[in-house]
N, C-alpha and C. Protein backbone atom coordinates (compact mmCIF):
# COMPACT_ATOMS: atom_id res chain seq x y z
N MET A 1 118.25 122.75 96.56
CA MET A 1 117.06 123.69 96.90
C MET A 1 116.58 123.51 98.26
N SER A 2 116.76 124.46 99.43
CA SER A 2 116.31 124.26 100.50
C SER A 2 115.20 124.26 101.11
N LEU A 3 114.53 123.58 100.99
CA LEU A 3 113.12 123.38 101.01
C LEU A 3 112.26 122.89 102.80
N GLN A 4 111.63 123.77 103.18
CA GLN A 4 111.08 123.53 104.48
C GLN A 4 109.98 122.67 104.50
N PHE A 5 109.65 121.65 104.80
CA PHE A 5 108.16 120.92 105.01
C PHE A 5 107.26 121.37 106.34
N ILE A 6 105.90 121.83 105.78
CA ILE A 6 105.26 122.23 107.03
C ILE A 6 104.68 121.07 107.32
N THR A 7 104.33 120.63 108.51
CA THR A 7 103.33 119.56 109.17
C THR A 7 102.41 119.87 110.29
N ASP A 8 101.58 119.14 110.40
CA ASP A 8 100.32 119.64 111.36
C ASP A 8 100.53 119.11 112.51
N SER A 9 99.52 118.34 113.51
CA SER A 9 99.76 118.04 114.66
C SER A 9 99.72 116.62 114.61
N GLU A 10 99.87 116.04 113.71
CA GLU A 10 99.84 114.54 113.45
C GLU A 10 101.18 114.19 112.51
N GLY A 11 101.68 115.13 111.70
CA GLY A 11 102.98 114.67 111.22
C GLY A 11 102.87 114.60 109.92
N LYS A 12 101.55 115.00 109.33
CA LYS A 12 101.34 115.00 108.09
C LYS A 12 101.72 116.17 107.23
N THR A 13 102.26 116.21 106.11
CA THR A 13 102.76 117.61 105.27
C THR A 13 101.70 117.99 104.96
N THR A 14 101.71 119.52 105.23
CA THR A 14 100.73 120.26 104.91
C THR A 14 100.63 121.23 104.16
N GLY A 15 102.42 121.50 103.72
CA GLY A 15 102.73 122.87 103.10
C GLY A 15 104.62 122.60 102.79
N VAL A 16 104.83 123.49 101.98
CA VAL A 16 106.18 123.90 101.73
C VAL A 16 106.79 125.33 101.34
N PHE A 17 107.77 125.32 102.34
CA PHE A 17 108.18 126.97 102.42
C PHE A 17 109.58 126.67 101.29
N ILE A 18 109.56 127.70 100.39
CA ILE A 18 110.46 127.84 99.50
C ILE A 18 111.23 129.27 99.84
N PRO A 19 112.28 129.45 99.95
CA PRO A 19 113.29 130.59 100.18
C PRO A 19 112.81 131.13 99.22
N ILE A 20 112.65 132.54 99.25
CA ILE A 20 112.06 133.72 97.79
C ILE A 20 113.23 133.78 96.95
N LYS A 21 114.79 133.49 97.25
CA LYS A 21 115.68 133.42 95.88
C LYS A 21 115.66 132.42 95.11
N GLU A 22 115.06 131.21 95.51
CA GLU A 22 115.20 129.92 94.93
C GLU A 22 113.64 130.07 94.18
N TRP A 23 112.71 130.87 95.15
CA TRP A 23 111.42 130.75 94.18
C TRP A 23 111.48 131.47 93.15
N ASN A 24 112.52 132.96 93.09
CA ASN A 24 112.50 133.49 92.12
C ASN A 24 113.30 132.84 90.85
N LYS A 25 114.14 131.94 91.28
CA LYS A 25 114.79 131.12 90.19
C LYS A 25 114.26 130.56 89.34
N ILE A 26 112.77 129.92 90.23
CA ILE A 26 111.92 129.27 89.56
C ILE A 26 110.78 130.02 88.78
N LYS A 27 110.74 131.10 89.02
CA LYS A 27 109.98 131.73 88.54
C LYS A 27 110.51 131.91 87.03
N ASP A 28 111.83 132.63 87.14
CA ASP A 28 112.55 132.82 85.97
C ASP A 28 112.99 131.80 85.00
N LYS A 29 112.85 130.60 85.61
CA LYS A 29 113.01 129.24 84.60
C LYS A 29 111.82 129.15 84.11
N TYR A 30 110.88 129.11 84.48
CA TYR A 30 109.44 128.82 83.89
C TYR A 30 108.38 130.06 84.04
N ALA A 31 108.78 130.62 82.89
CA ALA A 31 108.08 132.35 82.73
C ALA A 31 106.79 131.70 83.26
N GLU A 32 106.23 130.80 82.57
CA GLU A 32 104.44 130.60 82.71
C GLU A 32 103.93 130.40 84.09
N ILE A 33 104.67 130.26 84.86
CA ILE A 33 104.50 130.04 86.33
C ILE A 33 103.77 131.37 86.92
N ASN A 34 103.73 132.42 86.11
CA ASN A 34 103.45 133.66 86.36
C ASN A 34 101.91 133.91 86.15
N ASN A 35 101.61 133.13 85.29
CA ASN A 35 100.30 133.31 84.33
C ASN A 35 99.14 133.08 85.65
N GLU A 36 99.02 133.36 86.56
CA GLU A 36 98.24 133.04 87.88
C GLU A 36 96.56 133.37 87.46
N ASN A 37 96.22 133.87 86.27
CA ASN A 37 94.99 133.87 85.76
C ASN A 37 94.63 132.90 84.72
N VAL A 38 93.63 132.09 84.88
CA VAL A 38 93.45 130.64 84.42
C VAL A 38 91.77 131.23 84.41
N ASP A 39 91.62 130.91 82.92
CA ASP A 39 89.95 130.88 82.72
C ASP A 39 89.20 129.66 83.00
N ILE A 40 88.81 129.45 83.99
CA ILE A 40 87.76 128.26 83.91
C ILE A 40 86.49 128.29 83.28
N PRO A 41 86.47 127.31 82.45
CA PRO A 41 84.94 127.43 81.57
C PRO A 41 83.79 127.17 82.91
N GLN A 42 82.67 128.00 82.47
CA GLN A 42 81.32 127.92 83.06
C GLN A 42 80.99 126.54 83.33
N TRP A 43 80.60 125.84 82.33
CA TRP A 43 80.30 124.21 82.96
C TRP A 43 80.97 123.81 83.98
N GLN A 44 82.60 124.05 83.98
CA GLN A 44 83.31 123.39 84.86
C GLN A 44 83.04 123.92 86.68
N MET A 45 82.50 125.29 86.43
CA MET A 45 82.43 125.74 87.75
C MET A 45 80.91 125.50 88.00
N ASP A 46 80.27 125.08 86.97
CA ASP A 46 78.93 124.84 87.45
C ASP A 46 79.19 123.30 87.99
N GLU A 47 79.37 122.37 87.66
CA GLU A 47 79.58 121.30 87.72
C GLU A 47 80.28 121.13 89.43
N VAL A 48 81.33 121.68 89.58
CA VAL A 48 81.94 122.19 90.83
C VAL A 48 81.02 122.33 91.95
N ARG A 49 80.02 123.33 92.05
CA ARG A 49 79.37 123.79 92.26
C ARG A 49 78.22 122.61 92.94
N GLU A 50 77.75 121.99 91.73
CA GLU A 50 76.61 121.03 91.78
C GLU A 50 77.10 119.81 92.79
N ARG A 51 78.28 119.65 92.40
CA ARG A 51 78.98 118.36 93.65
C ARG A 51 79.22 118.83 94.99
N LEU A 52 79.52 119.98 95.07
CA LEU A 52 79.59 120.54 96.18
C LEU A 52 78.43 120.63 97.09
N GLU A 53 76.96 120.66 96.25
CA GLU A 53 75.58 121.05 97.12
C GLU A 53 75.23 119.52 97.04
N GLU A 54 75.78 118.68 96.76
CA GLU A 54 75.32 117.28 96.38
C GLU A 54 75.98 116.73 97.89
N TYR A 55 77.11 117.14 97.90
CA TYR A 55 77.67 116.53 98.96
C TYR A 55 77.43 117.38 100.66
N GLU A 56 76.95 118.49 100.29
CA GLU A 56 76.69 119.06 101.41
C GLU A 56 75.34 118.43 101.91
N ASN A 57 74.72 118.17 100.98
CA ASN A 57 73.13 117.60 101.04
C ASN A 57 73.31 115.99 101.53
N LYS A 58 74.30 115.41 101.35
CA LYS A 58 74.44 114.05 101.88
C LYS A 58 76.08 113.53 101.81
N PRO A 59 76.53 113.92 102.99
CA PRO A 59 78.10 114.08 102.89
C PRO A 59 78.29 112.08 102.83
N SER A 60 77.63 111.21 103.28
CA SER A 60 78.14 110.18 103.08
C SER A 60 78.61 109.67 101.60
N ILE A 61 77.86 110.59 100.66
CA ILE A 61 78.40 109.94 99.40
C ILE A 61 80.02 109.93 98.88
N GLY A 62 80.73 110.87 100.16
CA GLY A 62 82.04 111.12 99.79
C GLY A 62 82.71 109.66 99.86
N LEU A 63 83.56 109.77 99.06
CA LEU A 63 84.78 108.21 99.36
C LEU A 63 85.79 108.75 100.31
N ASN A 64 86.44 107.82 100.97
CA ASN A 64 87.85 107.80 101.81
C ASN A 64 88.67 108.08 100.56
N PHE A 65 89.88 109.09 100.71
CA PHE A 65 90.43 109.36 99.68
C PHE A 65 91.58 108.01 99.48
N ASN A 66 92.24 107.65 100.92
CA ASN A 66 93.32 106.65 100.92
C ASN A 66 92.53 105.57 100.15
N GLN A 67 91.14 105.06 100.37
CA GLN A 67 90.93 103.74 99.94
C GLN A 67 90.48 103.93 98.56
N ALA A 68 89.92 105.16 97.79
CA ALA A 68 89.92 105.22 96.23
C ALA A 68 91.05 105.36 95.67
N MET A 69 92.40 105.85 96.27
CA MET A 69 94.04 105.63 95.55
C MET A 69 93.76 104.44 95.32
N ASP A 70 93.74 103.57 96.55
CA ASP A 70 94.15 102.15 96.48
C ASP A 70 93.19 101.27 95.40
N ASP A 71 92.42 101.48 95.31
CA ASP A 71 91.24 100.88 94.17
C ASP A 71 92.10 101.54 92.77
N ILE A 72 92.22 102.85 92.62
CA ILE A 72 92.60 103.12 91.27
C ILE A 72 93.98 102.49 91.08
N GLU A 73 94.80 102.38 92.00
CA GLU A 73 96.47 101.78 91.80
C GLU A 73 96.09 100.46 91.86
N SER A 74 94.63 99.69 92.21
CA SER A 74 94.90 98.09 92.05
C SER A 74 94.62 97.69 90.66
N GLU A 75 93.71 99.07 90.13
CA GLU A 75 93.22 98.58 88.41
C GLU A 75 94.43 98.98 87.52
N LEU A 76 95.62 99.55 87.87
CA LEU A 76 96.45 100.23 86.67
C LEU A 76 97.74 98.70 86.30
């Protein structure tokens, strides 16, 4: 597979380009990938909205992603 990685100005990978022929092969192999409509329960949407509002009101409650991942991995 000839993937092309897209990076930002800092060199971080931000996306992947998959040639259409290869994408079509993936879709043929994994038919369920075409099921784009996912029903999200209302309680889950409410929870996300609540957390976003909480973060918008107090951004300092956010965690550093890398630190959070390090903490999780150290507990494994």
